[in-house]
């Protein structure tokens, strides 16, 4: 499948490569490189497990970072102040079922995909399963996130589960 955005053809392979590159960056804890995948003003969202697509203020969320909070999150994760991730967890990401969808706003590409993030920390091994629902902007330097949303498929998080890393 392809999408024509601003006269430029974007293929599913282009989007898959973008998502696979992001997964590799996150698994290597290269947060400056990860932040460079966002356009200024972008958002990062992880809704609560009971989110039904309505307002985050009605259902709650784990993360609703605007651009300033996103940059602060990256700064904290790179510092020793991220106690829950010092030393960092070991993660391994798998992404599948990548689909290009129509976006409500011209010039944007809506991308959905399934994910599994395996996380090893403190002798525990957890799997976080869900779907991505991103808005991407094509530009001269490639694709960039306008909105990065990770929607967990879990009914609830188990006791002691932490989202101190990036899904």
C-alpha atoms as a PDB file:
ATOM      1  CA  UNK A   1       0.000   0.000   0.000  1.00  0.00           C
ATOM      2  CA  UNK A   2       1.097   3.557  -0.636  1.00  0.00           C
ATOM      3  CA  UNK A   3      -0.091   7.019   0.331  1.00  0.00           C
ATOM      4  CA  UNK A   4       0.395  10.238  -1.571  1.00  0.00           C
ATOM      5  CA  UNK A   5       1.189  13.033   0.895  1.00  0.00           C
ATOM      6  CA  UNK A   6       2.125  16.462  -0.406  1.00  0.00           C
ATOM      7  CA  UNK A   7       2.936  15.012  -3.820  1.00  0.00           C
ATOM      8  CA  UNK A   8       5.292  12.444  -2.267  1.00  0.00           C
ATOM      9  CA  UNK A   9       4.584   8.728  -2.364  1.00  0.00           C
ATOM     10  CA  UNK A  10       5.027   6.972   0.984  1.00  0.00           C
ATOM     11  CA  UNK A  11       5.010   3.180   0.942  1.00  0.00           C
ATOM     12  CA  UNK A  12       4.250   0.773   3.731  1.00  0.00           C
ATOM     13  CA  UNK A  13       7.894  -0.335   3.481  1.00  0.00           C
ATOM     14  CA  UNK A  14       8.967   3.281   4.176  1.00  0.00           C
ATOM     15  CA  UNK A  15       6.782   3.346   7.280  1.00  0.00           C
ATOM     16  CA  UNK A  16       7.921  -0.103   8.422  1.00  0.00           C
ATOM     17  CA  UNK A  17      11.566   0.962   8.117  1.00  0.00           C
ATOM     18  CA  UNK A  18      10.787   4.084  10.166  1.00  0.00           C
ATOM     19  CA  UNK A  19       9.111   2.027  12.909  1.00  0.00           C
ATOM     20  CA  UNK A  20      11.865  -0.624  12.900  1.00  0.00           C
ATOM     21  CA  UNK A  21      14.529   2.085  13.162  1.00  0.00           C
ATOM     22  CA  UNK A  22      12.637   3.610  16.092  1.00  0.00           C
ATOM     23  CA  UNK A  23      12.456   0.208  17.824  1.00  0.00           C
ATOM     24  CA  UNK A  24      16.204  -0.260  17.426  1.00  0.00           C
ATOM     25  CA  UNK A  25      16.871   3.235  18.803  1.00  0.00           C
ATOM     26  CA  UNK A  26      14.648   2.633  21.832  1.00  0.00           C
ATOM     27  CA  UNK A  27      16.123  -0.802  22.579  1.00  0.00           C
ATOM     28  CA  UNK A  28      19.580   0.824  22.518  1.00  0.00           C
ATOM     29  CA  UNK A  29      18.404   3.658  24.827  1.00  0.00           C
ATOM     30  CA  UNK A  30      19.474   6.342  22.330  1.00  0.00           C
ATOM     31  CA  UNK A  31      16.980   8.925  23.493  1.00  0.00           C
ATOM     32  CA  UNK A  32      18.432  11.918  21.637  1.00  0.00           C
ATOM     33  CA  UNK A  33      18.079   9.949  18.408  1.00  0.00           C
ATOM     34  CA  UNK A  34      14.533   9.004  19.422  1.00  0.00           C
ATOM     35  CA  UNK A  35      13.582  12.622  20.114  1.00  0.00           C
ATOM     36  CA  UNK A  36      14.915  13.542  16.660  1.00  0.00           C
ATOM     37  CA  UNK A  37      12.138  11.354  15.188  1.00  0.00           C
ATOM     38  CA  UNK A  38       9.556  13.904  16.397  1.00  0.00           C
ATOM     39  CA  UNK A  39       8.666  17.210  14.855  1.00  0.00           C
ATOM     40  CA  UNK A  40       8.741  20.175  17.261  1.00  0.00           C
ATOM     41  CA  UNK A  41       5.352  20.470  18.911  1.00  0.00           C
ATOM     42  CA  UNK A  42       4.645  16.725  18.725  1.00  0.00           C
ATOM     43  CA  UNK A  43       2.797  14.697  21.358  1.00  0.00           C
ATOM     44  CA  UNK A  44       3.507  11.341  23.026  1.00  0.00           C
ATOM     45  CA  UNK A  45       0.520   9.482  24.491  1.00  0.00           C
ATOM     46  CA  UNK A  46      -0.108   6.236  26.348  1.00  0.00           C
ATOM     47  CA  UNK A  47      -3.781   6.017  27.355  1.00  0.00           C
ATOM     48  CA  UNK A  48      -4.972   4.097  30.421  1.00  0.00           C
ATOM     49  CA  UNK A  49      -5.931   0.466  29.824  1.00  0.00           C
ATOM     50  CA  UNK A  50      -9.657   1.317  29.975  1.00  0.00           C
ATOM     51  CA  UNK A  51      -9.440   4.041  27.299  1.00  0.00           C
ATOM     52  CA  UNK A  52     -12.241   3.813  24.740  1.00  0.00           C
ATOM     53  CA  UNK A  53     -11.068   6.532  22.365  1.00  0.00           C
ATOM     54  CA  UNK A  54     -12.633   9.425  24.238  1.00  0.00           C
ATOM     55  CA  UNK A  55     -10.882  12.243  26.032  1.00  0.00           C
ATOM     56  CA  UNK A  56      -7.880  11.329  28.171  1.00  0.00           C
ATOM     57  CA  UNK A  57      -9.288  13.616  30.847  1.00  0.00           C
ATOM     58  CA  UNK A  58     -12.366  11.378  31.150  1.00  0.00           C
ATOM     59  CA  UNK A  59     -10.533   8.036  31.218  1.00  0.00           C
ATOM     60  CA  UNK A  60      -7.040   8.921  32.367  1.00  0.00           C
ATOM     61  CA  UNK A  61      -3.712   8.067  30.839  1.00  0.00           C
ATOM     62  CA  UNK A  62      -0.244   6.910  31.695  1.00  0.00           C
ATOM     63  CA  UNK A  63       1.419   9.505  29.446  1.00  0.00           C
ATOM     64  CA  UNK A  64       0.084  12.647  27.763  1.00  0.00           C
ATOM     65  CA  UNK A  65       3.267  14.529  26.985  1.00  0.00           C
ATOM     66  CA  UNK A  66       3.210  17.711  24.994  1.00  0.00           C
ATOM     67  CA  UNK A  67       6.477  18.806  23.344  1.00  0.00           C
ATOM     68  CA  UNK A  68       7.941  20.317  26.525  1.00  0.00           C
ATOM     69  CA  UNK A  69       7.103  17.275  28.661  1.00  0.00           C
ATOM     70  CA  UNK A  70       8.451  14.943  25.977  1.00  0.00           C
ATOM     71  CA  UNK A  71      11.795  16.742  25.978  1.00  0.00           C
ATOM     72  CA  UNK A  72      11.813  16.692  29.807  1.00  0.00           C
ATOM     73  CA  UNK A  73      11.081  12.931  29.776  1.00  0.00           C
ATOM     74  CA  UNK A  74      14.074  12.324  27.492  1.00  0.00           C
ATOM     75  CA  UNK A  75      16.312  14.492  29.667  1.00  0.00           C
ATOM     76  CA  UNK A  76      15.232  12.612  32.815  1.00  0.00           C
ATOM     77  CA  UNK A  77      15.645   9.153  31.236  1.00  0.00           C
ATOM     78  CA  UNK A  78      19.200  10.058  30.238  1.00  0.00           C
ATOM     79  CA  UNK A  79      20.045  11.217  33.765  1.00  0.00           C
ATOM     80  CA  UNK A  80      20.516   9.374  37.040  1.00  0.00           C
ATOM     81  CA  UNK A  81      17.193  10.860  38.194  1.00  0.00           C
ATOM     82  CA  UNK A  82      15.293   8.069  36.428  1.00  0.00           C
ATOM     83  CA  UNK A  83      15.696   5.766  39.438  1.00  0.00           C
ATOM     84  CA  UNK A  84      13.270   3.146  38.084  1.00  0.00           C
ATOM     85  CA  UNK A  85      15.509   2.795  35.016  1.00  0.00           C
ATOM     86  CA  UNK A  86      18.960   3.015  36.569  1.00  0.00           C
ATOM     87  CA  UNK A  87      20.451   0.782  35.283  1.00  0.00           C
ATOM     88  CA  UNK A  88      18.164   0.652  32.238  1.00  0.00           C
ATOM     89  CA  UNK A  89      15.841  -2.236  31.520  1.00  0.00           C
ATOM     90  CA  UNK A  90      16.664  -4.533  28.668  1.00  0.00           C
ATOM     91  CA  UNK A  91      13.947  -4.357  26.042  1.00  0.00           C
ATOM     92  CA  UNK A  92      13.190  -6.078  22.770  1.00  0.00           C
ATOM     93  CA  UNK A  93      10.465  -4.778  20.476  1.00  0.00           C
ATOM     94  CA  UNK A  94       8.472  -6.567  17.822  1.00  0.00           C
ATOM     95  CA  UNK A  95       6.273  -4.624  15.410  1.00  0.00           C
ATOM     96  CA  UNK A  96       3.786  -6.136  12.983  1.00  0.00           C
ATOM     97  CA  UNK A  97       0.562  -5.537  11.061  1.00  0.00           C
ATOM     98  CA  UNK A  98       1.668  -2.087   9.886  1.00  0.00           C
ATOM     99  CA  UNK A  99      -1.143  -0.304   8.086  1.00  0.00           C
ATOM    100  CA  UNK A 100      -1.386   3.099   6.422  1.00  0.00           C
ATOM    101  CA  UNK A 101      -4.710   4.790   7.117  1.00  0.00           C
ATOM    102  CA  UNK A 102      -6.336   8.026   6.070  1.00  0.00           C
ATOM    103  CA  UNK A 103      -5.661  10.883   8.446  1.00  0.00           C
ATOM    104  CA  UNK A 104      -8.314  13.494   9.232  1.00  0.00           C
ATOM    105  CA  UNK A 105      -5.835  16.273   8.530  1.00  0.00           C
ATOM    106  CA  UNK A 106      -4.306  16.812   5.064  1.00  0.00           C
ATOM    107  CA  UNK A 107      -0.544  16.316   4.857  1.00  0.00           C
ATOM    108  CA  UNK A 108      -0.510  13.700   7.630  1.00  0.00           C
ATOM    109  CA  UNK A 109      -0.264   9.946   7.478  1.00  0.00           C
ATOM    110  CA  UNK A 110      -2.061   7.838  10.067  1.00  0.00           C
ATOM    111  CA  UNK A 111      -0.214   4.608  10.821  1.00  0.00           C
ATOM    112  CA  UNK A 112      -1.438   1.719  12.938  1.00  0.00           C
ATOM    113  CA  UNK A 113       0.645  -1.279  13.953  1.00  0.00           C
ATOM    114  CA  UNK A 114       0.730  -4.018  16.572  1.00  0.00           C
ATOM    115  CA  UNK A 115       3.562  -4.219  19.083  1.00  0.00           C
ATOM    116  CA  UNK A 116       5.048  -6.427  21.748  1.00  0.00           C
ATOM    117  CA  UNK A 117       7.714  -4.976  24.018  1.00  0.00           C
ATOM    118  CA  UNK A 118       9.559  -7.566  26.087  1.00  0.00           C
ATOM    119  CA  UNK A 119      11.215  -6.090  29.155  1.00  0.00           C
ATOM    120  CA  UNK A 120      13.752  -7.648  31.516  1.00  0.00           C
ATOM    121  CA  UNK A 121      14.387  -5.868  34.816  1.00  0.00           C
ATOM    122  CA  UNK A 122      15.271  -6.938  38.358  1.00  0.00           C
ATOM    123  CA  UNK A 123      14.931 -10.641  37.553  1.00  0.00           C
ATOM    124  CA  UNK A 124      11.451 -10.159  36.053  1.00  0.00           C
ATOM    125  CA  UNK A 125      10.449 -10.601  32.433  1.00  0.00           C
ATOM    126  CA  UNK A 126       7.289  -8.855  31.217  1.00  0.00           C
ATOM    127  CA  UNK A 127       5.566  -8.510  27.871  1.00  0.00           C
ATOM    128  CA  UNK A 128       3.622  -5.379  27.004  1.00  0.00           C
ATOM    129  CA  UNK A 129       1.220  -5.899  24.104  1.00  0.00           C
ATOM    130  CA  UNK A 130      -0.787  -3.328  22.205  1.00  0.00           C
ATOM    131  CA  UNK A 131      -1.160  -1.235  19.108  1.00  0.00           C
ATOM    132  CA  UNK A 132       0.338   1.963  17.848  1.00  0.00           C
ATOM    133  CA  UNK A 133      -1.828   4.722  16.404  1.00  0.00           C
ATOM    134  CA  UNK A 134       0.563   7.369  15.083  1.00  0.00           C
ATOM    135  CA  UNK A 135       0.291  10.516  13.019  1.00  0.00           C
ATOM    136  CA  UNK A 136       3.356  10.944  10.819  1.00  0.00           C
ATOM    137  CA  UNK A 137       4.519  13.929   8.807  1.00  0.00           C
ATOM    138  CA  UNK A 138       6.694  13.380   5.727  1.00  0.00           C
ATOM    139  CA  UNK A 139       9.482  15.911   5.358  1.00  0.00           C
ATOM    140  CA  UNK A 140      12.801  16.515   3.683  1.00  0.00           C
ATOM    141  CA  UNK A 141      14.606  14.411   6.318  1.00  0.00           C
ATOM    142  CA  UNK A 142      12.050  11.596   6.192  1.00  0.00           C
ATOM    143  CA  UNK A 143       9.099  10.753   8.392  1.00  0.00           C
ATOM    144  CA  UNK A 144       8.533  12.416  11.783  1.00  0.00           C
ATOM    145  CA  UNK A 145       5.998  11.859  14.542  1.00  0.00           C
ATOM    146  CA  UNK A 146       3.355  14.495  15.063  1.00  0.00           C
ATOM    147  CA  UNK A 147       1.644  12.170  17.524  1.00  0.00           C
ATOM    148  CA  UNK A 148       3.041   8.919  18.869  1.00  0.00           C
ATOM    149  CA  UNK A 149       0.381   6.886  20.665  1.00  0.00           C
ATOM    150  CA  UNK A 150       0.849   3.444  22.229  1.00  0.00           C
ATOM    151  CA  UNK A 151      -2.421   1.794  23.278  1.00  0.00           C
ATOM    152  CA  UNK A 152      -1.952  -1.168  25.604  1.00  0.00           C
ATOM    153  CA  UNK A 153      -4.071  -4.244  24.961  1.00  0.00           C
ATOM    154  CA  UNK A 154      -4.001  -5.248  28.623  1.00  0.00           C
ATOM    155  CA  UNK A 155      -7.144  -5.146  30.731  1.00  0.00           C
ATOM    156  CA  UNK A 156      -4.956  -3.894  33.549  1.00  0.00           C
ATOM    157  CA  UNK A 157      -1.294  -3.806  34.496  1.00  0.00           C
ATOM    158  CA  UNK A 158      -0.200  -6.348  37.065  1.00  0.00           C
ATOM    159  CA  UNK A 159       0.861  -5.207  40.518  1.00  0.00           C
ATOM    160  CA  UNK A 160       4.395  -3.903  40.362  1.00  0.00           C
ATOM    161  CA  UNK A 161       4.324  -3.319  36.598  1.00  0.00           C
ATOM    162  CA  UNK A 162       6.057  -0.069  35.735  1.00  0.00           C
ATOM    163  CA  UNK A 163       5.925   2.057  32.622  1.00  0.00           C
ATOM    164  CA  UNK A 164       9.213   3.761  33.411  1.00  0.00           C
ATOM    165  CA  UNK A 165      10.487   3.028  29.892  1.00  0.00           C
ATOM    166  CA  UNK A 166       9.110   3.998  26.464  1.00  0.00           C
ATOM    167  CA  UNK A 167       6.557   1.601  24.986  1.00  0.00           C
END
